[in-house]
Protein backbone atom coordinates (compact mmCIF):
# COMPACT_ATOMS: atom_id res chain seq x y z
CA MET A 1 98.97 103.83 130.54
CA LEU A 2 102.99 104.21 130.89
CA ARG A 3 104.49 107.69 131.23
CA ASN A 4 106.04 107.75 127.95
CA GLY A 5 102.53 107.21 126.18
CA ASN A 6 103.03 103.71 125.31
CA SER A 7 100.36 101.05 126.47
CA PHE A 8 101.44 98.33 128.95
CA TRP A 9 100.88 95.87 126.23
CA SER A 10 103.30 97.49 123.57
CA ALA A 11 105.75 97.46 126.52
CA MET A 12 105.57 93.82 127.43
CA PRO A 13 108.81 91.77 126.30
CA PRO A 14 108.33 90.19 123.13
CA VAL A 15 108.65 86.52 123.70
CA THR A 16 105.93 86.73 126.20
CA LYS A 17 103.72 88.49 124.11
CA ASN A 18 104.06 86.50 121.08
CA LEU A 19 103.28 83.22 123.09
CA ILE A 20 100.19 84.60 124.55
CA ILE A 21 99.14 85.80 121.01
CA ILE A 22 99.96 82.47 119.19
CA ASN A 23 97.89 80.55 121.93
CA VAL A 24 94.85 82.90 121.78
CA ILE A 25 94.91 82.56 118.15
CA ILE A 26 95.01 78.94 117.73
CA TRP A 27 92.37 78.89 120.47
CA ILE A 28 89.94 81.22 118.69
CA ALA A 29 90.74 79.15 115.48
CA MET A 30 89.51 75.91 116.90
CA ILE A 31 86.37 77.56 118.18
CA VAL A 32 85.50 79.45 114.93
CA LEU A 33 86.42 76.76 112.14
CA PRO A 34 83.89 73.69 111.60
CA ALA A 35 84.14 70.86 114.04
CA SER A 36 85.61 68.53 111.31
CA THR A 37 88.45 70.89 110.81
CA THR A 38 88.91 71.20 114.45
CA GLY A 39 89.24 67.63 115.01
CA LYS A 40 91.88 67.35 112.15
CA ILE A 41 93.71 70.12 114.09
CA LEU A 42 93.63 68.12 117.22
CA ASP A 43 94.42 64.92 115.61
CA ILE A 44 97.58 66.40 113.94
CA GLY A 45 98.73 69.02 116.87
CA GLY A 46 97.58 67.13 120.08
CA LEU A 47 100.24 65.03 121.94
CA HIS A 48 99.41 61.39 120.96
CA TYR A 49 100.58 58.21 122.69
CA TRP A 50 103.49 57.12 120.69
CA LYS A 51 102.00 53.66 120.26
CA GLY A 52 99.13 55.28 118.46
CA ASN A 53 98.96 55.65 114.62
CA ASP A 54 98.09 59.55 114.94
CA PHE A 55 101.48 59.99 116.74
CA HIS A 56 104.15 62.14 115.37
CA VAL A 57 107.24 63.69 116.86
CA ALA A 58 106.22 67.32 116.06
CA GLN A 59 103.38 66.67 118.30
CA LEU A 60 106.08 67.33 121.33
CA PHE A 61 106.15 70.72 120.68
CA THR A 62 102.71 71.52 118.87
CA TYR A 63 100.56 70.53 121.87
CA MET A 64 101.70 73.17 124.13
CA PHE A 65 99.71 75.71 121.91
CA MET A 66 96.55 74.17 122.07
CA HIS A 67 93.97 74.28 124.61
CA ASP A 68 90.37 73.03 125.68
CA THR A 69 87.66 74.81 123.48
CA GLY A 70 85.06 73.64 125.71
CA SER A 71 85.95 76.35 128.39
CA ILE A 72 88.14 79.47 128.42
CA ALA A 73 89.41 78.50 131.62
CA HIS A 74 92.03 76.34 130.50
CA LEU A 75 93.34 79.15 128.28
CA PHE A 76 92.90 82.03 130.52
CA PHE A 77 94.82 80.48 133.48
CA ASN A 78 97.77 79.51 131.63
CA MET A 79 98.00 82.83 129.71
CA PHE A 80 97.68 84.78 132.88
CA THR A 81 100.24 82.71 134.69
CA LEU A 82 102.42 83.31 131.93
CA PHE A 83 101.70 87.39 131.65
CA MET A 84 102.26 87.34 135.62
CA PHE A 85 105.71 85.68 135.79
CA GLY A 86 106.73 85.36 132.31
CA ILE A 87 107.47 89.02 131.94
CA THR A 88 109.85 89.27 134.82
CA LEU A 89 111.79 86.00 133.43
CA GLU A 90 112.05 87.06 130.06
CA ARG A 91 113.53 90.61 131.42
CA VAL A 92 116.20 88.72 133.74
CA LEU A 93 116.98 85.71 131.42
CA GLY A 94 116.72 87.67 128.18
CA GLY A 95 114.39 86.59 125.21
CA PRO A 96 116.48 83.81 123.41
CA ARG A 97 117.25 82.19 126.85
CA TYR A 98 113.92 82.53 128.10
CA LEU A 99 112.12 81.00 124.83
CA PHE A 100 114.67 78.23 124.86
CA TYR A 101 113.65 77.61 128.56
CA TYR A 102 109.87 77.74 128.06
CA ILE A 103 110.18 75.24 124.98
CA THR A 104 112.37 72.94 126.87
CA CYS A 105 109.85 72.74 129.88
CA GLY A 106 107.12 72.19 127.49
CA LEU A 107 109.15 69.30 125.68
CA GLY A 108 110.15 67.89 129.14
CA ALA A 109 106.45 67.67 130.05
CA ALA A 110 105.57 65.90 126.89
CA ILE A 111 108.47 63.41 127.45
CA ILE A 112 107.36 62.69 130.88
CA GLN A 113 103.65 62.20 129.85
CA GLU A 114 104.55 60.03 127.23
CA PHE A 115 106.65 57.82 129.88
CA THR A 116 103.64 57.93 132.14
CA TRP A 117 101.31 56.60 129.60
CA MET A 118 104.32 53.67 128.96
CA LEU A 119 103.47 52.69 132.74
CA THR A 120 99.77 53.14 132.82
CA ALA A 121 97.98 53.02 129.24
CA GLU A 122 98.14 49.28 128.66
CA ASN A 123 96.40 48.26 131.87
CA MET A 124 93.85 51.13 130.98
CA ALA A 125 93.43 49.55 127.49
CA ILE A 126 93.08 46.16 128.74
CA LYS A 127 90.29 47.16 131.35
CA ILE A 128 88.34 48.87 128.77
CA LEU A 129 88.53 46.42 125.94
CA ALA A 130 87.84 43.54 128.22
CA ASN A 131 84.73 44.95 129.11
CA ALA A 132 83.75 46.01 125.76
CA TYR A 133 84.60 42.61 124.53
CA GLY A 134 83.04 40.72 127.44
CA VAL A 135 86.24 38.99 128.29
CA GLY A 136 88.44 38.47 130.99
CA PHE A 137 91.49 40.42 131.89
CA PRO A 138 94.09 37.86 131.38
CA GLU A 139 92.66 37.05 128.06
CA MET A 140 92.44 40.47 126.90
CA ALA A 141 95.73 41.07 127.83
CA ASP A 142 97.14 38.18 125.87
CA ALA A 143 95.24 39.27 123.03
CA ILE A 144 96.75 43.07 123.46
CA ASN A 145 100.49 41.37 123.86
CA ARG A 146 100.03 39.50 120.61
CA VAL A 147 99.04 42.83 118.81
CA ASP A 148 102.08 44.70 120.05
CA MET A 149 104.24 41.62 119.18
CA GLY A 150 102.86 41.72 115.62
CA PHE A 151 101.37 38.17 115.80
CA THR A 152 97.75 39.69 114.90
CA VAL A 153 95.77 42.74 114.19
CA GLY A 154 92.12 42.18 113.63
CA SER A 155 89.56 43.89 115.69
CA VAL A 156 91.52 44.22 118.94
CA GLY A 157 94.19 45.96 117.27
CA GLU A 158 91.81 48.38 115.78
CA SER A 159 89.91 49.05 119.15
CA LEU A 160 93.73 49.43 120.70
CA GLN A 161 94.38 51.95 118.11
CA THR A 162 91.25 53.77 118.75
CA PHE A 163 91.89 53.74 122.37
CA TYR A 164 95.29 55.33 121.78
CA ASN A 165 94.17 57.63 119.16
CA HIS A 166 91.17 59.01 121.06
CA TYR A 167 91.88 58.85 124.83
CA LEU A 168 95.54 59.26 125.09
CA VAL A 169 95.67 63.11 123.72
CA THR A 170 96.99 65.86 125.61
CA ILE A 171 96.98 69.58 124.86
CA GLY A 172 97.90 72.63 126.69
CA ALA A 173 100.72 74.84 127.78
CA SER A 174 100.60 74.00 131.15
CA GLY A 175 103.77 71.84 131.47
CA ALA A 176 105.73 75.07 130.16
CA ILE A 177 103.90 77.13 132.51
CA TYR A 178 104.69 75.05 135.42
CA GLY A 179 108.22 75.41 134.43
CA VAL A 180 107.94 79.19 134.48
CA LEU A 181 106.45 78.99 137.87
CA LEU A 182 109.53 76.57 139.03
CA ALA A 183 112.00 79.36 137.50
CA PHE A 184 110.56 81.95 139.47
CA GLY A 185 110.45 80.24 142.42
CA MET A 186 114.30 79.47 142.10
CA LEU A 187 115.39 83.05 140.99
CA PHE A 188 113.26 84.87 143.34
CA PRO A 189 112.50 82.43 146.11
CA ASN A 190 111.77 85.23 148.70
CA ARG A 191 109.33 87.45 146.53
CA PRO A 192 105.92 87.34 148.34
CA LEU A 193 103.11 86.24 146.49
CA TYR A 194 99.47 86.27 147.07
CA LEU A 195 97.10 83.56 145.87
CA MET A 196 93.27 83.82 145.62
CA PHE A 197 91.38 83.69 148.79
CA ILE A 198 94.44 83.79 150.81
CA PRO A 199 95.10 87.21 152.61
CA ILE A 200 98.61 86.49 153.60
CA PRO A 201 101.81 86.58 151.17
CA ILE A 202 103.48 83.47 150.67
CA LYS A 203 107.24 83.26 149.57
CA ALA A 204 107.52 82.27 145.88
CA LYS A 205 109.87 79.21 147.00
CA TRP A 206 107.05 77.65 149.01
CA MET A 207 104.19 78.12 146.63
CA VAL A 208 106.42 76.19 143.78
CA ILE A 209 107.23 73.56 146.34
CA GLY A 210 103.46 73.58 147.18
CA TYR A 211 102.47 73.17 143.55
CA GLY A 212 104.84 70.49 143.19
CA ILE A 213 103.76 68.44 145.88
CA ILE A 214 99.87 68.92 145.07
CA GLU A 215 100.75 67.60 141.42
CA LEU A 216 102.60 64.63 142.65
CA GLY A 217 99.85 63.80 145.08
CA LEU A 218 97.14 63.90 142.27
CA GLY A 219 99.48 62.17 139.78
CA ILE A 220 99.99 59.30 142.20
CA SER A 221 96.33 58.93 143.11
CA SER A 222 95.39 58.35 139.55
CA ALA A 223 93.16 61.44 139.52
CA THR A 224 90.44 61.03 137.01
CA ASP A 225 90.10 64.78 136.26
CA GLY A 226 91.37 64.77 133.04
CA ILE A 227 94.70 66.72 133.96
CA ALA A 228 97.98 65.60 132.93
CA HIS A 229 99.39 66.26 136.41
CA PHE A 230 103.00 64.20 135.64
CA ALA A 231 103.40 66.32 132.68
CA HIS A 232 102.98 69.49 135.23
CA LEU A 233 105.78 67.72 137.15
CA GLY A 234 107.77 67.12 133.91
CA GLY A 235 107.73 70.93 133.03
CA MET A 236 109.04 71.56 136.72
CA ILE A 237 111.70 68.68 136.41
CA PHE A 238 113.10 69.90 133.14
CA GLY A 239 113.12 73.56 134.46
CA VAL A 240 114.89 72.71 137.66
CA LEU A 241 117.62 70.77 135.77
CA LEU A 242 118.14 73.70 133.33
CA ILE A 243 118.20 76.38 135.92
CA LEU A 244 120.95 74.25 138.08
CA TYR A 245 122.90 73.82 134.72
CA TRP A 246 122.93 77.53 134.10
CA LYS A 247 123.99 78.14 137.66
CA HIS A 248 126.92 75.75 137.38
CA GLN A 249 127.71 77.18 134.13
CA GLY A 250 127.77 80.87 135.70
CA VAL A 251 124.82 82.17 133.28
CA ILE A 252 123.08 82.56 136.65
CA ARG A 253 124.59 84.14 139.28
CA ARG A 254 123.26 83.76 142.73
CA ASN A 255 123.58 87.52 143.70
CA ASP A 256 121.54 88.64 140.34
CA PHE A 257 118.34 87.78 142.21
CA TYR A 258 116.80 87.66 145.45
């Protein structure tokens, strides 16, 4: 409890508090609602590949408020990180600017994820559909190319849409959260932080750099862990650009932080 009698929760700055509340409410709703309804929510709000029929622009925003319902870990670690670092950022940046930053990082993560799919999705689809149809890679590549150019649809086109709509879906606040971590590391580079199972403090700047290197390595290695590593990097990239812009404009001054 705080000395004035208010709880720590009530003293939490409003943007961070409400972001946590919204994410938790949506996660709970997706658990308690019937599976058919949850599936529709995922179809509508999850980030789909732009070539899929289920894609719409609003998903670049809505996906960051949805989390995996198969485990609480996805939601917990994102919200815990937001709680740990978002409070400080909101207090130093101010609510409106902090919210703008958070949303920008989330949108940036979505854009980078879409770009990543543009570079990888077609080869993934060719391999999967070639195996399903029992044909070679070149034959399936030609068939998909004809679909993309509008020459034919048929069963290949339908299977391609099924792949896009059901296999290329991203949810979670992680992109925005990585942006929050990036901002903390840039604004408080020498702040000591402790990580699980590591008994010595690590400066914030080194922790952020370490996370970035890990995500880049996992992304390049084509990790099959179901995690959108390049989306995480996207949140960090858009975050650093925005922080540098604000520093250039004098919104953030070097001597304001340490």
